[in-house]
Amino acid sequence: MRNLLEKLTPWIIFLIALITYSLTMEPTNSWWDCGEYIATAYKLQVGHPPGAPLFLLVANFFSQFALGDVEKVAMMINFMSVLCSAFTILFLFWTIHILSKKIVPNQSKYITTLSAAVGSLIYTFSDSFWFSAVEGEVYAMSSLFTAVTFWCIMKWEEEAENPHSSRWLILIGYLIGLSIGVHLLSLLTIPAMGMIYYFKKYPYSKTGAIKAFIISMAILGIVQGVIIPGAVSLISKFELFFVNTIGLPFNSGTIIYFLAIIACIITAIIYTKKHNKPIWNTAILAVMMLLIGYSSFAILVVRSNANPPIDENNPEDAV
């Protein structure tokens, strides 16, 4: 009975959120950025920087359910936010459930399930989240990525002593890469995930905890300040060098850049495997998956070259 309650309750909470948001969903466009997002998603155009390419792709998929009725496109994209938000509540329930069991290890399953239900329902009906849940903006999908990313680190923490538990860390890298194509919100989970990793893998000390926090913040800074902008700015430098300085054809620098990145990653993976460096191997694989997820931004260049009516900043090449 208790196991059945644990399995059914999160899905009941999910249905409460889904029904609530469906009944209060915007029937058409909300009067701010939603109109731009809906228009750019419907025809895969280029919105304001940085462009949210993954959001546009998924929203375009949902717009197909309008079945050619242009008046229903906005509603279908709004429903995508409804669905993302309901799943956010589901993953929030599971996360609170795991945390409550850790806070009070010998607590009754009824109490931990009730705690997760109360916490997730409070968030379901919170003002800001409810607003983003019913309109075609990036925040609903971004919240889902944040919820899933943090749930993954909790799953890793549960399985950290098992073989292949690092797959959760690699999945987190991929999810963060994908989420960049929606919004940067999920990056805020990196410091918290770093602390969870520290407390699981190392004995606690005040000095150790401070070091772990500083390293976690440094990782956040590297991802946001180096990898995300650097991966793009390096392409333009390669392109300018190989085209303007060496005289190769257009886009040759871009191709060489991607080949160099692939070669570096393969070499690093082989080296860390050969010299038995599992932490570095996992870190490199996570960065690789982050870059694969981040590659959704290529869509903006492809679509900009098609010269759609909405083509903000006209990002047609690497530069």
Protein backbone atom coordinates (compact mmCIF):
# COMPACT_ATOMS: atom_id res chain seq x y z
CA MET A 1 0.00 0.00 0.00
CA ARG A 2 2.81 2.41 0.92
CA ASN A 3 4.73 1.66 -2.28
CA LEU A 4 1.56 2.19 -4.32
CA LEU A 5 1.02 5.54 -2.57
CA GLU A 6 4.61 6.59 -3.38
CA LYS A 7 4.19 5.69 -7.04
CA LEU A 8 0.71 7.16 -7.57
CA THR A 9 0.98 10.45 -5.63
CA PRO A 10 3.51 12.18 -7.95
CA TRP A 11 1.33 11.43 -10.96
CA ILE A 12 -1.75 12.72 -9.15
CA ILE A 13 0.16 15.96 -8.41
CA PHE A 14 1.21 16.05 -12.09
CA LEU A 15 -2.45 15.76 -13.18
CA ILE A 16 -3.50 18.51 -10.74
CA ALA A 17 -0.88 20.83 -12.26
CA LEU A 18 -1.70 19.80 -15.83
CA ILE A 19 -5.46 20.33 -15.39
CA THR A 20 -4.97 23.64 -13.53
CA TYR A 21 -2.67 25.08 -16.17
CA SER A 22 -4.78 23.73 -19.06
CA LEU A 23 -7.91 25.38 -17.68
CA THR A 24 -6.16 28.73 -17.13
CA MET A 25 -4.02 28.67 -20.29
CA GLU A 26 -3.85 31.78 -22.48
CA PRO A 27 -6.13 31.12 -25.49
CA THR A 28 -3.85 33.19 -27.73
CA ASN A 29 -0.84 35.51 -27.49
CA SER A 30 0.20 37.25 -24.27
CA TRP A 31 1.15 40.89 -24.65
CA TRP A 32 4.96 40.79 -24.41
CA ASP A 33 7.80 38.60 -25.84
CA CYS A 34 5.40 35.68 -26.32
CA GLY A 35 4.25 37.06 -29.67
CA GLU A 36 7.80 37.10 -31.00
CA TYR A 37 8.54 33.59 -29.71
CA ILE A 38 5.32 32.18 -31.16
CA ALA A 39 5.87 33.84 -34.56
CA THR A 40 9.51 32.76 -34.81
CA ALA A 41 8.72 29.22 -33.66
CA TYR A 42 5.83 28.77 -36.11
CA LYS A 43 8.01 29.50 -39.17
CA LEU A 44 11.43 28.70 -37.60
CA GLN A 45 12.62 32.28 -37.87
CA VAL A 46 15.38 34.06 -35.94
CA GLY A 47 14.31 35.90 -32.79
CA HIS A 48 16.20 38.27 -30.54
CA PRO A 49 19.66 37.16 -29.37
CA PRO A 50 20.63 34.66 -28.17
CA GLY A 51 17.71 33.13 -30.07
CA ALA A 52 16.49 30.13 -27.99
CA PRO A 53 16.86 27.62 -30.87
CA LEU A 54 15.82 24.49 -28.96
CA PHE A 55 12.71 26.26 -27.71
CA LEU A 56 11.87 27.22 -31.30
CA LEU A 57 12.28 23.62 -32.51
CA VAL A 58 10.07 22.09 -29.84
CA ALA A 59 7.50 24.89 -30.12
CA ASN A 60 7.44 24.41 -33.89
CA PHE A 61 6.61 20.72 -33.30
CA PHE A 62 3.69 21.68 -31.06
CA SER A 63 2.50 24.28 -33.58
CA GLN A 64 1.93 21.45 -36.08
CA PHE A 65 -0.99 20.27 -33.94
CA ALA A 66 -2.85 23.42 -35.00
CA LEU A 67 -3.42 21.40 -38.21
CA GLY A 68 -3.05 24.40 -40.48
CA ASP A 69 -5.37 26.68 -38.48
CA VAL A 70 -3.14 29.71 -37.86
CA GLU A 71 -5.51 30.95 -35.14
CA LYS A 72 -4.70 27.86 -33.04
CA VAL A 73 -0.90 28.08 -33.32
CA ALA A 74 -0.47 30.30 -30.25
CA MET A 75 -2.71 28.03 -28.18
CA MET A 76 -0.70 24.93 -29.13
CA ILE A 77 2.58 26.61 -28.18
CA ASN A 78 1.00 27.82 -24.94
CA PHE A 79 0.02 24.20 -24.25
CA MET A 80 3.67 23.22 -24.65
CA SER A 81 4.41 25.48 -21.67
CA VAL A 82 1.53 23.87 -19.78
CA LEU A 83 3.02 20.42 -20.36
CA CYS A 84 6.57 21.51 -19.48
CA SER A 85 5.35 23.12 -16.27
CA ALA A 86 3.34 20.08 -15.21
CA PHE A 87 6.41 17.87 -15.72
CA THR A 88 8.47 20.41 -13.73
CA ILE A 89 6.10 19.87 -10.80
CA LEU A 90 6.47 16.08 -11.21
CA PHE A 91 10.29 16.25 -11.04
CA LEU A 92 10.06 18.71 -8.15
CA PHE A 93 7.93 16.16 -6.25
CA TRP A 94 10.53 13.43 -6.82
CA THR A 95 13.37 15.75 -5.75
CA ILE A 96 11.63 16.84 -2.52
CA HIS A 97 10.81 13.19 -1.81
CA ILE A 98 14.50 12.22 -2.05
CA LEU A 99 15.58 15.21 0.07
CA SER A 100 12.97 14.58 2.78
CA LYS A 101 14.12 10.96 3.13
CA LYS A 102 17.68 12.24 3.65
CA ILE A 103 16.72 14.93 6.16
CA VAL A 104 14.80 12.42 8.30
CA PRO A 105 16.14 8.97 7.28
CA ASN A 106 13.78 6.85 9.39
CA GLN A 107 10.65 8.88 8.70
CA SER A 108 7.39 7.23 7.65
CA LYS A 109 6.83 6.95 3.88
CA TYR A 110 3.50 8.68 4.40
CA ILE A 111 5.25 11.74 5.85
CA THR A 112 7.88 11.96 3.09
CA THR A 113 5.22 11.55 0.40
CA LEU A 114 3.01 14.17 2.06
CA SER A 115 5.99 16.55 2.35
CA ALA A 116 6.75 16.20 -1.36
CA ALA A 117 3.07 16.68 -2.23
CA VAL A 118 2.75 19.85 -0.13
CA GLY A 119 6.01 21.35 -1.44
CA SER A 120 5.25 20.67 -5.10
CA LEU A 121 1.65 21.90 -4.80
CA ILE A 122 2.81 25.16 -3.18
CA TYR A 123 5.06 25.73 -6.18
CA THR A 124 2.28 24.70 -8.57
CA PHE A 125 0.12 27.60 -7.40
CA SER A 126 2.91 30.14 -6.87
CA ASP A 127 2.33 33.39 -8.75
CA SER A 128 5.37 33.64 -11.03
CA PHE A 129 5.47 29.96 -11.96
CA TRP A 130 1.74 29.82 -12.72
CA PHE A 131 2.04 32.83 -15.04
CA SER A 132 4.92 31.31 -17.02
CA ALA A 133 3.09 27.97 -17.17
CA VAL A 134 0.22 29.26 -19.29
CA GLU A 135 1.95 31.25 -22.05
CA GLY A 136 4.40 30.69 -24.91
CA GLU A 137 7.61 31.91 -23.28
CA VAL A 138 10.94 30.19 -22.54
CA TYR A 139 10.60 30.11 -18.74
CA ALA A 140 8.34 27.06 -18.51
CA MET A 141 10.71 24.88 -20.55
CA SER A 142 13.71 26.37 -18.76
CA SER A 143 12.15 25.47 -15.40
CA LEU A 144 11.69 21.90 -16.65
CA PHE A 145 15.38 21.65 -17.59
CA THR A 146 16.33 23.04 -14.16
CA ALA A 147 14.09 20.53 -12.37
CA VAL A 148 15.32 17.54 -14.39
CA THR A 149 18.99 18.59 -14.04
CA PHE A 150 18.75 18.81 -10.25
CA TRP A 151 16.78 15.55 -10.05
CA CYS A 152 19.60 13.87 -11.99
CA ILE A 153 22.21 14.90 -9.40
CA MET A 154 19.98 13.46 -6.68
CA LYS A 155 19.76 10.20 -8.63
CA TRP A 156 23.55 10.21 -9.00
CA GLU A 157 23.90 10.73 -5.24
CA GLU A 158 21.73 7.66 -4.62
CA GLU A 159 23.81 5.51 -7.00
CA ALA A 160 27.25 7.11 -6.51
CA GLU A 161 28.79 3.91 -5.13
CA ASN A 162 27.51 1.78 -8.01
CA PRO A 163 29.43 1.12 -11.25
CA HIS A 164 28.57 3.48 -14.12
CA SER A 165 26.89 6.02 -11.80
CA SER A 166 28.84 8.72 -13.67
CA ARG A 167 26.32 8.37 -16.49
CA TRP A 168 24.09 10.74 -14.48
CA LEU A 169 26.84 13.39 -14.49
CA ILE A 170 27.30 13.02 -18.24
CA LEU A 171 23.52 13.31 -18.71
CA ILE A 172 23.60 16.50 -16.64
CA GLY A 173 26.22 17.92 -19.02
CA TYR A 174 23.95 17.15 -21.98
CA LEU A 175 20.88 18.65 -20.30
CA ILE A 176 22.77 21.85 -19.47
CA GLY A 177 23.94 22.04 -23.10
CA LEU A 178 20.38 21.62 -24.35
CA SER A 179 19.03 24.13 -21.83
CA ILE A 180 21.36 26.84 -23.18
CA GLY A 181 19.19 26.66 -26.32
CA VAL A 182 16.24 27.71 -24.14
CA HIS A 183 17.52 29.84 -21.24
CA LEU A 184 20.53 29.92 -18.89
CA LEU A 185 18.47 29.28 -15.73
CA SER A 186 19.63 25.67 -15.25
CA LEU A 187 23.25 26.86 -14.87
CA LEU A 188 22.26 28.03 -11.39
CA THR A 189 22.09 24.40 -10.28
CA ILE A 190 25.86 23.92 -10.84
CA PRO A 191 27.02 25.24 -7.42
CA ALA A 192 24.40 23.14 -5.60
CA MET A 193 25.37 20.05 -7.61
CA GLY A 194 29.04 20.69 -6.82
CA MET A 195 28.26 20.71 -3.09
CA ILE A 196 26.24 17.47 -3.39
CA TYR A 197 29.23 15.87 -5.15
CA TYR A 198 31.58 17.05 -2.39
CA PHE A 199 29.41 15.79 0.50
CA LYS A 200 29.00 12.42 -1.20
CA LYS A 201 32.62 11.82 -2.16
CA TYR A 202 34.63 13.49 0.63
CA PRO A 203 34.51 13.61 4.45
CA TYR A 204 33.17 16.93 5.70
CA SER A 205 35.40 19.72 6.94
CA LYS A 206 34.80 23.46 6.97
CA THR A 207 37.85 24.08 4.79
CA GLY A 208 36.82 21.33 2.38
CA ALA A 209 33.28 22.69 2.10
CA ILE A 210 34.57 26.21 1.36
CA LYS A 211 36.96 24.84 -1.29
CA ALA A 212 34.14 22.79 -2.83
CA PHE A 213 31.92 25.88 -3.01
CA ILE A 214 34.68 27.97 -4.61
CA ILE A 215 35.38 25.21 -7.17
CA SER A 216 31.64 24.89 -7.90
CA MET A 217 31.38 28.64 -8.51
CA ALA A 218 34.49 28.47 -10.70
CA ILE A 219 32.87 25.71 -12.79
CA LEU A 220 29.77 27.90 -13.16
CA GLY A 221 32.00 30.78 -14.27
CA ILE A 222 33.88 28.59 -16.76
CA VAL A 223 30.66 27.27 -18.30
CA GLN A 224 28.93 30.66 -18.48
CA GLY A 225 31.91 32.91 -19.08
CA VAL A 226 34.27 30.71 -21.14
CA ILE A 227 32.60 27.69 -22.77
CA ILE A 228 29.30 29.28 -23.83
CA PRO A 229 30.68 32.50 -25.38
CA GLY A 230 34.12 31.06 -26.18
CA ALA A 231 32.85 28.14 -28.24
CA VAL A 232 31.23 30.65 -30.59
CA SER A 233 33.85 33.42 -30.58
CA LEU A 234 36.60 30.90 -31.40
CA ILE A 235 34.71 29.86 -34.54
CA SER A 236 34.81 33.44 -35.82
CA LYS A 237 38.55 33.72 -35.07
CA PHE A 238 39.25 30.47 -36.92
CA GLU A 239 37.12 31.65 -39.84
CA LEU A 240 38.85 35.04 -40.10
CA PHE A 241 42.32 33.47 -39.86
CA PHE A 242 41.84 30.72 -42.41
CA VAL A 243 39.90 32.87 -44.89
CA ASN A 244 41.54 36.31 -44.56
CA THR A 245 45.11 35.31 -43.64
CA ILE A 246 45.61 31.95 -45.38
CA GLY A 247 43.14 32.57 -48.22
CA LEU A 248 41.02 29.42 -47.94
CA PRO A 249 37.36 29.44 -49.11
CA PHE A 250 34.53 30.75 -46.92
CA ASN A 251 33.46 28.44 -44.02
CA SER A 252 36.77 26.53 -44.17
CA GLY A 253 37.78 27.95 -40.78
CA THR A 254 34.48 26.77 -39.30
CA ILE A 255 35.02 23.23 -40.61
CA ILE A 256 38.63 23.12 -39.34
CA TYR A 257 37.42 24.40 -35.93
CA PHE A 258 34.91 21.59 -35.53
CA LEU A 259 37.44 18.97 -36.67
CA ALA A 260 39.96 20.35 -34.13
CA ILE A 261 37.40 20.20 -31.31
CA ILE A 262 36.51 16.59 -32.19
CA ALA A 263 40.19 15.61 -32.36
CA CYS A 264 40.95 17.23 -28.98
CA ILE A 265 38.01 15.51 -27.27
CA ILE A 266 38.87 12.07 -28.71
CA THR A 267 42.52 12.47 -27.69
CA ALA A 268 41.56 13.55 -24.17
CA ILE A 269 39.13 10.65 -23.73
CA ILE A 270 41.73 8.11 -24.90
CA TYR A 271 44.41 9.65 -22.64
CA THR A 272 42.23 9.69 -19.48
CA LYS A 273 41.06 6.13 -20.16
CA LYS A 274 44.59 4.86 -20.75
CA HIS A 275 46.02 6.54 -17.63
CA ASN A 276 43.05 5.62 -15.41
CA LYS A 277 41.77 9.13 -14.62
CA PRO A 278 38.02 8.53 -14.15
CA ILE A 279 37.16 12.00 -12.80
CA TRP A 280 38.82 13.78 -15.74
CA ASN A 281 37.31 11.26 -18.15
CA THR A 282 33.82 11.97 -16.80
CA ALA A 283 34.45 15.73 -16.90
CA ILE A 284 35.59 15.60 -20.55
CA LEU A 285 32.61 13.44 -21.53
CA ALA A 286 30.27 15.88 -19.73
CA VAL A 287 31.80 18.86 -21.59
CA MET A 288 31.50 16.93 -24.86
CA MET A 289 27.81 16.29 -24.21
CA LEU A 290 27.34 19.93 -23.22
CA LEU A 291 28.78 21.00 -26.58
CA ILE A 292 26.55 18.51 -28.42
CA GLY A 293 23.50 19.98 -26.66
CA TYR A 294 24.76 23.51 -27.32
CA SER A 295 25.02 22.74 -31.05
CA SER A 296 21.31 23.54 -31.43
CA PHE A 297 22.48 27.11 -32.09
CA ALA A 298 23.54 26.02 -35.57
CA ILE A 299 19.83 26.21 -36.42
CA LEU A 300 19.97 30.01 -36.18
CA VAL A 301 22.70 30.20 -38.83
CA VAL A 302 20.86 27.76 -41.11
CA ARG A 303 17.56 29.61 -40.83
CA SER A 304 19.15 33.05 -41.12
CA ASN A 305 20.66 31.98 -44.45
CA ALA A 306 17.10 31.28 -45.63
CA ASN A 307 16.36 35.01 -45.01
CA PRO A 308 13.04 34.63 -43.16
CA PRO A 309 10.93 37.78 -42.52
CA ILE A 310 12.02 37.84 -38.85
CA ASP A 311 15.82 37.59 -38.92
CA GLU A 312 17.14 39.58 -35.95
CA ASN A 313 20.88 40.39 -36.11
CA ASN A 314 21.09 38.35 -39.36
CA PRO A 315 23.53 35.70 -37.97
CA GLU A 316 24.37 34.13 -41.35
CA ASP A 317 27.98 33.12 -40.69
CA ALA A 318 30.47 32.36 -37.90
CA VAL A 319 31.58 36.00 -37.58
